[in-house]
Amino acid sequence: MAAGNARARRVRSVQIDNGALHAAVAALRMATGLAAGEAALASLSALIAMPKAIWSPDVAWPLFDPRADAFMRRQGWPEEIIAGLWRDHVALRMPLNIRCRFEHTPFAISLTDDHRRRRAPYSGEQKRVAAMMLALGLQAVLVVPLHLPRGRVAMLGWAGPQTLVEVEALLAAAGPALLAAGHYFSALAAGEAGADGPREEERTPLTPREWDCLRLLAQGFREAEIAQQNGIAPTTVRYHLDNVAAKFGAKTRAHAVALAAGLGLVGEV
């Protein structure tokens, strides 16, 4: 109980200049280019005293991502850390990337095993990358997961010298503003990369029968079961699902379900 009370006092003790924080987020929202956006991120870094930013447009992407790589280089990350993150898909398996896929609000992770709270210790290349970050004087990472359309999950984060408890206290004071900043930067980066909005086929409305077939497919029902529940023939179900895939521009039915789920169109499954 005493430890919990001490931690609560530390959470309350963090002071953030809210005016400067909101001004930096507003500057990010109004930024018209990536350079201006990264300047606003630098202001946020200074405010929270976490000097090293990291960003990924899709944490589930297992291959080398030139945009994430270029961002880290502009942030001044050492070459050996950048190379380590790409080696053997380490970035894909890093704890912060994994947690981004399941959490929707900002969180903190420690770079030291002794503060990982019953989580598996770092090992292999992950341990080597964590050790290199510790050697720079970094102890923890503040992570902002960004759940985006089409099932993508981006991530914006900052690494700094604070302990895990100190970063969690920082999140209690500035978490909502940092989450907003993450979404503004993600939108800015997408626009800079020429990413378009929803494709026409994503906006094309499905027929009521196509919606019924898609939702049941997303819930794990087979063609024959979908046909029975809708009182139609299996060949008709196949026809409707082929139409669904075509309207979403999907390669397969599973791809169509994934796209629909990423757009929030099939509800809870």
C-alpha atoms as a PDB file:
ATOM      1  CA  MET A   1       0.000   0.000   0.000  1.00  0.00           C
ATOM      2  CA  ALA A   2       2.824   2.399   0.910  1.00  0.00           C
ATOM      3  CA  ALA A   3       4.506   1.781  -2.456  1.00  0.00           C
ATOM      4  CA  GLY A   4       1.224   2.466  -4.232  1.00  0.00           C
ATOM      5  CA  ASN A   5       0.742   5.734  -2.344  1.00  0.00           C
ATOM      6  CA  ALA A   6       4.302   6.817  -3.126  1.00  0.00           C
ATOM      7  CA  ARG A   7       3.737   6.082  -6.794  1.00  0.00           C
ATOM      8  CA  ALA A   8       0.482   8.064  -6.764  1.00  0.00           C
ATOM      9  CA  ARG A   9       2.312  11.042  -5.234  1.00  0.00           C
ATOM     10  CA  ARG A  10       4.917  10.881  -7.989  1.00  0.00           C
ATOM     11  CA  VAL A  11       2.177  10.808 -10.632  1.00  0.00           C
ATOM     12  CA  ARG A  12       0.628  13.951  -9.182  1.00  0.00           C
ATOM     13  CA  SER A  13       4.015  15.676  -8.909  1.00  0.00           C
ATOM     14  CA  VAL A  14       4.639  15.913 -12.660  1.00  0.00           C
ATOM     15  CA  GLN A  15       4.084  19.427 -13.948  1.00  0.00           C
ATOM     16  CA  ILE A  16       3.492  20.189 -17.618  1.00  0.00           C
ATOM     17  CA  ASP A  17       3.182  23.637 -19.181  1.00  0.00           C
ATOM     18  CA  ASN A  18      -0.300  23.048 -20.594  1.00  0.00           C
ATOM     19  CA  GLY A  19      -0.266  26.245 -22.610  1.00  0.00           C
ATOM     20  CA  ALA A  20       2.964  25.270 -24.363  1.00  0.00           C
ATOM     21  CA  LEU A  21       1.748  21.694 -24.763  1.00  0.00           C
ATOM     22  CA  HIS A  22      -1.489  22.741 -26.469  1.00  0.00           C
ATOM     23  CA  ALA A  23       0.391  25.261 -28.618  1.00  0.00           C
ATOM     24  CA  ALA A  24       2.728  22.514 -29.878  1.00  0.00           C
ATOM     25  CA  VAL A  25      -0.218  20.225 -30.662  1.00  0.00           C
ATOM     26  CA  ALA A  26      -1.987  23.092 -32.444  1.00  0.00           C
ATOM     27  CA  ALA A  27       1.160  23.785 -34.474  1.00  0.00           C
ATOM     28  CA  LEU A  28       1.217  20.136 -35.484  1.00  0.00           C
ATOM     29  CA  ARG A  29      -2.437  20.268 -36.482  1.00  0.00           C
ATOM     30  CA  MET A  30      -1.809  23.331 -38.637  1.00  0.00           C
ATOM     31  CA  ALA A  31       1.468  22.092 -40.167  1.00  0.00           C
ATOM     32  CA  THR A  32       1.445  21.997 -43.963  1.00  0.00           C
ATOM     33  CA  GLY A  33       4.575  19.919 -44.500  1.00  0.00           C
ATOM     34  CA  LEU A  34       6.586  17.173 -42.860  1.00  0.00           C
ATOM     35  CA  ALA A  35       9.375  19.552 -41.861  1.00  0.00           C
ATOM     36  CA  ALA A  36       6.914  21.769 -39.968  1.00  0.00           C
ATOM     37  CA  GLY A  37       5.326  18.706 -38.408  1.00  0.00           C
ATOM     38  CA  GLU A  38       8.662  17.399 -37.172  1.00  0.00           C
ATOM     39  CA  ALA A  39       9.493  20.837 -35.781  1.00  0.00           C
ATOM     40  CA  ALA A  40       6.281  20.661 -33.741  1.00  0.00           C
ATOM     41  CA  LEU A  41       7.267  17.166 -32.576  1.00  0.00           C
ATOM     42  CA  ALA A  42      10.622  18.592 -31.483  1.00  0.00           C
ATOM     43  CA  SER A  43       8.752  21.137 -29.352  1.00  0.00           C
ATOM     44  CA  LEU A  44       6.799  18.311 -27.746  1.00  0.00           C
ATOM     45  CA  SER A  45      10.044  16.390 -27.128  1.00  0.00           C
ATOM     46  CA  ALA A  46      11.479  19.397 -25.304  1.00  0.00           C
ATOM     47  CA  LEU A  47       8.342  19.853 -23.206  1.00  0.00           C
ATOM     48  CA  ILE A  48       8.297  16.254 -21.995  1.00  0.00           C
ATOM     49  CA  ALA A  49      12.137  16.046 -21.808  1.00  0.00           C
ATOM     50  CA  MET A  50      12.265  12.926 -23.982  1.00  0.00           C
ATOM     51  CA  PRO A  51      14.751  13.771 -26.733  1.00  0.00           C
ATOM     52  CA  LYS A  52      14.534  10.825 -29.136  1.00  0.00           C
ATOM     53  CA  ALA A  53      11.378  10.412 -31.225  1.00  0.00           C
ATOM     54  CA  ILE A  54      10.474   7.256 -33.129  1.00  0.00           C
ATOM     55  CA  TRP A  55       7.665   6.708 -35.618  1.00  0.00           C
ATOM     56  CA  SER A  56       6.317   3.892 -37.750  1.00  0.00           C
ATOM     57  CA  PRO A  57       3.454   4.175 -40.264  1.00  0.00           C
ATOM     58  CA  ASP A  58       2.521   0.511 -39.655  1.00  0.00           C
ATOM     59  CA  VAL A  59       3.900  -1.544 -36.756  1.00  0.00           C
ATOM     60  CA  ALA A  60       2.652  -4.785 -38.340  1.00  0.00           C
ATOM     61  CA  TRP A  61       4.738  -4.271 -41.489  1.00  0.00           C
ATOM     62  CA  PRO A  62       7.504  -6.926 -41.257  1.00  0.00           C
ATOM     63  CA  LEU A  63       9.855  -5.497 -43.875  1.00  0.00           C
ATOM     64  CA  PHE A  64      12.157  -2.499 -44.108  1.00  0.00           C
ATOM     65  CA  ASP A  65      10.144   0.733 -44.127  1.00  0.00           C
ATOM     66  CA  PRO A  66      11.996   3.622 -45.778  1.00  0.00           C
ATOM     67  CA  ARG A  67       9.772   6.295 -44.200  1.00  0.00           C
ATOM     68  CA  ALA A  68      10.329   5.034 -40.643  1.00  0.00           C
ATOM     69  CA  ASP A  69      14.037   4.607 -41.360  1.00  0.00           C
ATOM     70  CA  ALA A  70      14.371   8.162 -42.728  1.00  0.00           C
ATOM     71  CA  PHE A  71      12.472   9.570 -39.732  1.00  0.00           C
ATOM     72  CA  MET A  72      14.841   7.914 -37.256  1.00  0.00           C
ATOM     73  CA  ARG A  73      17.848   9.198 -39.169  1.00  0.00           C
ATOM     74  CA  ARG A  74      16.477  12.742 -39.071  1.00  0.00           C
ATOM     75  CA  GLN A  75      15.997  12.305 -35.322  1.00  0.00           C
ATOM     76  CA  GLY A  76      19.683  11.493 -34.946  1.00  0.00           C
ATOM     77  CA  TRP A  77      19.417   7.837 -33.935  1.00  0.00           C
ATOM     78  CA  PRO A  78      22.761   6.003 -34.250  1.00  0.00           C
ATOM     79  CA  GLU A  79      23.220   3.826 -37.297  1.00  0.00           C
ATOM     80  CA  GLU A  80      23.765   0.658 -35.226  1.00  0.00           C
ATOM     81  CA  ILE A  81      20.379   1.043 -33.489  1.00  0.00           C
ATOM     82  CA  ILE A  82      18.548   1.693 -36.751  1.00  0.00           C
ATOM     83  CA  ALA A  83      20.216  -1.306 -38.387  1.00  0.00           C
ATOM     84  CA  GLY A  84      19.432  -3.451 -35.342  1.00  0.00           C
ATOM     85  CA  LEU A  85      15.728  -2.662 -35.524  1.00  0.00           C
ATOM     86  CA  TRP A  86      15.546  -3.814 -39.148  1.00  0.00           C
ATOM     87  CA  ARG A  87      17.725  -6.902 -38.701  1.00  0.00           C
ATOM     88  CA  ASP A  88      15.697 -10.158 -38.678  1.00  0.00           C
ATOM     89  CA  HIS A  89      12.446  -8.168 -38.349  1.00  0.00           C
ATOM     90  CA  VAL A  90      13.306  -7.178 -34.760  1.00  0.00           C
ATOM     91  CA  ALA A  91      11.035  -4.117 -34.934  1.00  0.00           C
ATOM     92  CA  LEU A  92       8.061  -6.387 -35.622  1.00  0.00           C
ATOM     93  CA  ARG A  93       8.751  -8.359 -32.437  1.00  0.00           C
ATOM     94  CA  MET A  94       9.651  -5.467 -30.152  1.00  0.00           C
ATOM     95  CA  PRO A  95       7.323  -5.316 -27.110  1.00  0.00           C
ATOM     96  CA  LEU A  96       6.224  -1.763 -27.866  1.00  0.00           C
ATOM     97  CA  ASN A  97       5.139  -2.723 -31.412  1.00  0.00           C
ATOM     98  CA  ILE A  98       3.242  -5.761 -30.162  1.00  0.00           C
ATOM     99  CA  ARG A  99       1.421  -3.757 -27.494  1.00  0.00           C
ATOM    100  CA  CYS A 100       0.465  -1.111 -30.061  1.00  0.00           C
ATOM    101  CA  ARG A 101      -1.688  -3.690 -31.850  1.00  0.00           C
ATOM    102  CA  PHE A 102      -3.762  -4.312 -28.722  1.00  0.00           C
ATOM    103  CA  GLU A 103      -3.808  -0.998 -26.851  1.00  0.00           C
ATOM    104  CA  HIS A 104      -5.583   2.184 -27.928  1.00  0.00           C
ATOM    105  CA  THR A 105      -4.203   4.694 -25.451  1.00  0.00           C
ATOM    106  CA  PRO A 106      -0.618   5.852 -24.789  1.00  0.00           C
ATOM    107  CA  PHE A 107       1.537   3.655 -22.565  1.00  0.00           C
ATOM    108  CA  ALA A 108       5.110   3.424 -21.307  1.00  0.00           C
ATOM    109  CA  ILE A 109       7.698   0.655 -21.483  1.00  0.00           C
ATOM    110  CA  SER A 110      11.045   0.251 -19.753  1.00  0.00           C
ATOM    111  CA  LEU A 111      14.263  -0.629 -21.541  1.00  0.00           C
ATOM    112  CA  THR A 112      15.503  -2.512 -18.475  1.00  0.00           C
ATOM    113  CA  ASP A 113      14.377  -6.035 -17.628  1.00  0.00           C
ATOM    114  CA  ASP A 114      14.062  -5.305 -13.908  1.00  0.00           C
ATOM    115  CA  HIS A 115      11.144  -2.899 -14.483  1.00  0.00           C
ATOM    116  CA  ARG A 116       9.227  -5.014 -16.988  1.00  0.00           C
ATOM    117  CA  ARG A 117       6.662  -6.251 -14.450  1.00  0.00           C
ATOM    118  CA  ARG A 118       6.456  -9.955 -15.043  1.00  0.00           C
ATOM    119  CA  ARG A 119       6.938  -9.612 -18.797  1.00  0.00           C
ATOM    120  CA  ALA A 120       9.449 -11.878 -20.536  1.00  0.00           C
ATOM    121  CA  PRO A 121      12.974 -10.407 -20.488  1.00  0.00           C
ATOM    122  CA  TYR A 122      14.540  -9.039 -23.626  1.00  0.00           C
ATOM    123  CA  SER A 123      16.610 -11.551 -25.552  1.00  0.00           C
ATOM    124  CA  GLY A 124      18.722 -11.829 -28.692  1.00  0.00           C
ATOM    125  CA  GLU A 125      18.736  -8.828 -31.011  1.00  0.00           C
ATOM    126  CA  GLN A 126      16.028  -7.096 -28.954  1.00  0.00           C
ATOM    127  CA  LYS A 127      18.308  -7.193 -25.910  1.00  0.00           C
ATOM    128  CA  ARG A 128      21.189  -5.804 -27.968  1.00  0.00           C
ATOM    129  CA  VAL A 129      19.046  -2.902 -29.254  1.00  0.00           C
ATOM    130  CA  ALA A 130      17.774  -2.173 -25.733  1.00  0.00           C
ATOM    131  CA  ALA A 131      21.364  -2.216 -24.422  1.00  0.00           C
ATOM    132  CA  MET A 132      22.463   0.289 -27.081  1.00  0.00           C
ATOM    133  CA  MET A 133      19.571   2.581 -26.151  1.00  0.00           C
ATOM    134  CA  LEU A 134      20.483   2.306 -22.461  1.00  0.00           C
ATOM    135  CA  ALA A 135      24.060   3.227 -23.369  1.00  0.00           C
ATOM    136  CA  LEU A 136      22.692   6.507 -24.783  1.00  0.00           C
ATOM    137  CA  GLY A 137      21.207   7.284 -21.367  1.00  0.00           C
ATOM    138  CA  LEU A 138      17.670   6.294 -22.385  1.00  0.00           C
ATOM    139  CA  GLN A 139      15.644   4.270 -19.882  1.00  0.00           C
ATOM    140  CA  ALA A 140      12.037   4.250 -21.041  1.00  0.00           C
ATOM    141  CA  VAL A 141       9.846   4.877 -24.061  1.00  0.00           C
ATOM    142  CA  LEU A 142       6.515   6.712 -24.166  1.00  0.00           C
ATOM    143  CA  VAL A 143       4.421   5.043 -26.861  1.00  0.00           C
ATOM    144  CA  VAL A 144       1.358   6.403 -28.676  1.00  0.00           C
ATOM    145  CA  PRO A 145      -0.487   3.673 -30.627  1.00  0.00           C
ATOM    146  CA  LEU A 146      -2.478   4.988 -33.593  1.00  0.00           C
ATOM    147  CA  HIS A 147      -5.267   2.764 -34.907  1.00  0.00           C
ATOM    148  CA  LEU A 148      -5.998   3.817 -38.478  1.00  0.00           C
ATOM    149  CA  PRO A 149      -8.359   2.842 -41.324  1.00  0.00           C
ATOM    150  CA  ARG A 150      -7.850  -0.432 -43.245  1.00  0.00           C
ATOM    151  CA  GLY A 151      -6.616  -2.184 -40.131  1.00  0.00           C
ATOM    152  CA  ARG A 152      -3.305  -0.311 -39.945  1.00  0.00           C
ATOM    153  CA  VAL A 153      -1.681   0.553 -36.632  1.00  0.00           C
ATOM    154  CA  ALA A 154       0.925   3.304 -36.635  1.00  0.00           C
ATOM    155  CA  MET A 155       3.068   4.354 -33.695  1.00  0.00           C
ATOM    156  CA  LEU A 156       4.655   7.559 -32.446  1.00  0.00           C
ATOM    157  CA  GLY A 157       6.951   7.466 -29.459  1.00  0.00           C
ATOM    158  CA  TRP A 158       9.626   9.236 -27.477  1.00  0.00           C
ATOM    159  CA  ALA A 159      12.587   7.724 -25.623  1.00  0.00           C
ATOM    160  CA  GLY A 160      14.115   9.488 -22.653  1.00  0.00           C
ATOM    161  CA  PRO A 161      16.195   9.168 -19.476  1.00  0.00           C
ATOM    162  CA  GLN A 162      13.180   8.915 -17.162  1.00  0.00           C
ATOM    163  CA  THR A 163      12.272   5.796 -15.211  1.00  0.00           C
ATOM    164  CA  LEU A 164       9.153   3.838 -16.086  1.00  0.00           C
ATOM    165  CA  VAL A 165       7.262   5.360 -13.147  1.00  0.00           C
ATOM    166  CA  GLU A 166       8.236   8.873 -14.209  1.00  0.00           C
ATOM    167  CA  VAL A 167       7.048   8.306 -17.774  1.00  0.00           C
ATOM    168  CA  GLU A 168       3.747   6.890 -16.512  1.00  0.00           C
ATOM    169  CA  ALA A 169       3.368  10.039 -14.420  1.00  0.00           C
ATOM    170  CA  LEU A 170       4.048  12.076 -17.531  1.00  0.00           C
ATOM    171  CA  LEU A 171       1.336  10.159 -19.376  1.00  0.00           C
ATOM    172  CA  ALA A 172      -1.157  10.969 -16.637  1.00  0.00           C
ATOM    173  CA  ALA A 173      -0.489  14.654 -17.249  1.00  0.00           C
ATOM    174  CA  ALA A 174      -0.085  14.789 -21.028  1.00  0.00           C
ATOM    175  CA  GLY A 175      -1.428  11.529 -22.492  1.00  0.00           C
ATOM    176  CA  PRO A 176      -4.524  12.929 -24.265  1.00  0.00           C
ATOM    177  CA  ALA A 177      -2.567  15.740 -25.918  1.00  0.00           C
ATOM    178  CA  LEU A 178       0.122  13.312 -27.079  1.00  0.00           C
ATOM    179  CA  LEU A 179      -2.517  10.981 -28.512  1.00  0.00           C
ATOM    180  CA  ALA A 180      -3.967  13.884 -30.504  1.00  0.00           C
ATOM    181  CA  ALA A 181      -0.458  14.834 -31.636  1.00  0.00           C
ATOM    182  CA  GLY A 182       0.108  11.300 -32.864  1.00  0.00           C
ATOM    183  CA  HIS A 183      -2.990  11.348 -35.023  1.00  0.00           C
ATOM    184  CA  TYR A 184      -2.177  14.773 -36.444  1.00  0.00           C
ATOM    185  CA  PHE A 185       1.346  13.674 -37.349  1.00  0.00           C
ATOM    186  CA  SER A 186       0.098  10.400 -38.835  1.00  0.00           C
ATOM    187  CA  ALA A 187      -2.342  12.275 -41.080  1.00  0.00           C
ATOM    188  CA  LEU A 188       0.375  14.728 -42.078  1.00  0.00           C
ATOM    189  CA  ALA A 189       2.822  11.939 -42.918  1.00  0.00           C
ATOM    190  CA  ALA A 190       0.186  10.089 -44.936  1.00  0.00           C
ATOM    191  CA  GLY A 191      -0.574  13.217 -46.947  1.00  0.00           C
ATOM    192  CA  GLU A 192       3.112  13.886 -47.519  1.00  0.00           C
ATOM    193  CA  ALA A 193       3.522  10.326 -48.818  1.00  0.00           C
ATOM    194  CA  GLY A 194       0.648  10.813 -51.256  1.00  0.00           C
ATOM    195  CA  ALA A 195      -1.647   8.365 -49.497  1.00  0.00           C
ATOM    196  CA  ASP A 196      -5.195   8.929 -50.624  1.00  0.00           C
ATOM    197  CA  GLY A 197      -8.424   8.698 -48.684  1.00  0.00           C
ATOM    198  CA  PRO A 198     -10.844   5.785 -48.790  1.00  0.00           C
ATOM    199  CA  ARG A 199     -11.002   4.231 -52.224  1.00  0.00           C
ATOM    200  CA  GLU A 200     -14.209   4.483 -54.225  1.00  0.00           C
ATOM    201  CA  GLU A 201     -14.896   0.781 -53.790  1.00  0.00           C
ATOM    202  CA  GLU A 202     -14.716   1.243 -50.007  1.00  0.00           C
ATOM    203  CA  ARG A 203     -17.452   3.866 -50.201  1.00  0.00           C
ATOM    204  CA  THR A 204     -19.651   1.776 -52.474  1.00  0.00           C
ATOM    205  CA  PRO A 205     -22.601   0.617 -50.398  1.00  0.00           C
ATOM    206  CA  LEU A 206     -23.253  -3.082 -50.241  1.00  0.00           C
ATOM    207  CA  THR A 207     -26.738  -4.462 -50.727  1.00  0.00           C
ATOM    208  CA  PRO A 208     -28.555  -5.668 -47.582  1.00  0.00           C
ATOM    209  CA  ARG A 209     -27.989  -9.286 -48.601  1.00  0.00           C
ATOM    210  CA  GLU A 210     -24.283  -8.639 -49.208  1.00  0.00           C
ATOM    211  CA  TRP A 211     -24.026  -7.078 -45.742  1.00  0.00           C
ATOM    212  CA  ASP A 212     -25.712 -10.142 -44.202  1.00  0.00           C
ATOM    213  CA  CYS A 213     -23.304 -12.503 -45.935  1.00  0.00           C
ATOM    214  CA  LEU A 214     -20.243 -10.397 -45.035  1.00  0.00           C
ATOM    215  CA  ARG A 215     -21.147 -10.121 -41.349  1.00  0.00           C
ATOM    216  CA  LEU A 216     -21.818 -13.843 -41.028  1.00  0.00           C
ATOM    217  CA  LEU A 217     -18.562 -14.617 -42.839  1.00  0.00           C
ATOM    218  CA  ALA A 218     -16.715 -12.338 -40.404  1.00  0.00           C
ATOM    219  CA  GLN A 219     -18.239 -14.333 -37.537  1.00  0.00           C
ATOM    220  CA  GLY A 220     -16.796 -17.587 -38.891  1.00  0.00           C
ATOM    221  CA  PHE A 221     -19.811 -19.085 -40.663  1.00  0.00           C
ATOM    222  CA  ARG A 222     -19.274 -21.197 -43.794  1.00  0.00           C
ATOM    223  CA  GLU A 223     -21.119 -20.784 -47.071  1.00  0.00           C
ATOM    224  CA  ALA A 224     -23.668 -23.506 -46.305  1.00  0.00           C
ATOM    225  CA  GLU A 225     -24.360 -22.043 -42.853  1.00  0.00           C
ATOM    226  CA  ILE A 226     -24.740 -18.529 -44.259  1.00  0.00           C
ATOM    227  CA  ALA A 227     -27.120 -19.905 -46.883  1.00  0.00           C
ATOM    228  CA  GLN A 228     -29.204 -21.666 -44.244  1.00  0.00           C
ATOM    229  CA  GLN A 229     -29.475 -18.598 -42.031  1.00  0.00           C
ATOM    230  CA  ASN A 230     -30.499 -16.397 -44.961  1.00  0.00           C
ATOM    231  CA  GLY A 231     -32.777 -18.934 -46.641  1.00  0.00           C
ATOM    232  CA  ILE A 232     -30.847 -18.823 -49.928  1.00  0.00           C
ATOM    233  CA  ALA A 233     -28.740 -21.266 -51.931  1.00  0.00           C
ATOM    234  CA  PRO A 234     -24.982 -21.671 -51.272  1.00  0.00           C
ATOM    235  CA  THR A 235     -24.300 -20.606 -54.852  1.00  0.00           C
ATOM    236  CA  THR A 236     -26.154 -17.351 -54.129  1.00  0.00           C
ATOM    237  CA  VAL A 237     -24.008 -16.803 -51.040  1.00  0.00           C
ATOM    238  CA  ARG A 238     -20.920 -17.342 -53.177  1.00  0.00           C
ATOM    239  CA  TYR A 239     -22.228 -14.784 -55.678  1.00  0.00           C
ATOM    240  CA  HIS A 240     -22.820 -12.182 -52.947  1.00  0.00           C
ATOM    241  CA  LEU A 241     -19.412 -12.709 -51.348  1.00  0.00           C
ATOM    242  CA  ASP A 242     -17.680 -12.407 -54.705  1.00  0.00           C
ATOM    243  CA  ASN A 243     -19.479  -9.084 -55.162  1.00  0.00           C
ATOM    244  CA  VAL A 244     -18.343  -7.960 -51.706  1.00  0.00           C
ATOM    245  CA  ALA A 245     -14.717  -8.744 -52.533  1.00  0.00           C
ATOM    246  CA  ALA A 246     -14.996  -6.866 -55.837  1.00  0.00           C
ATOM    247  CA  LYS A 247     -16.529  -3.786 -54.198  1.00  0.00           C
ATOM    248  CA  PHE A 248     -13.739  -3.638 -51.612  1.00  0.00           C
ATOM    249  CA  GLY A 249     -11.057  -4.294 -54.199  1.00  0.00           C
ATOM    250  CA  ALA A 250     -10.008  -7.316 -52.144  1.00  0.00           C
ATOM    251  CA  LYS A 251      -7.939 -10.227 -53.414  1.00  0.00           C
ATOM    252  CA  THR A 252      -9.836 -12.820 -51.381  1.00  0.00           C
ATOM    253  CA  ARG A 253     -12.822 -13.045 -49.074  1.00  0.00           C
ATOM    254  CA  ALA A 254     -10.530 -13.043 -46.050  1.00  0.00           C
ATOM    255  CA  HIS A 255      -8.973  -9.853 -47.410  1.00  0.00           C
ATOM    256  CA  ALA A 256     -12.456  -8.324 -47.766  1.00  0.00           C
ATOM    257  CA  VAL A 257     -13.287  -9.185 -44.145  1.00  0.00           C
ATOM    258  CA  ALA A 258      -9.993  -7.650 -42.989  1.00  0.00           C
ATOM    259  CA  LEU A 259     -10.667  -4.442 -44.926  1.00  0.00           C
ATOM    260  CA  ALA A 260     -14.218  -4.206 -43.597  1.00  0.00           C
ATOM    261  CA  ALA A 261     -13.019  -4.822 -40.038  1.00  0.00           C
ATOM    262  CA  GLY A 262     -10.316  -2.171 -40.412  1.00  0.00           C
ATOM    263  CA  LEU A 263     -12.962   0.309 -41.491  1.00  0.00           C
ATOM    264  CA  GLY A 264     -15.196  -0.662 -38.564  1.00  0.00           C
ATOM    265  CA  LEU A 265     -17.957  -1.929 -40.831  1.00  0.00           C
ATOM    266  CA  VAL A 266     -18.610  -5.420 -39.478  1.00  0.00           C
ATOM    267  CA  GLY A 267     -18.918  -4.617 -35.799  1.00  0.00           C
ATOM    268  CA  GLU A 268     -17.777  -6.966 -33.048  1.00  0.00           C
ATOM    269  CA  VAL A 269     -16.795 -10.417 -34.277  1.00  0.00           C
END
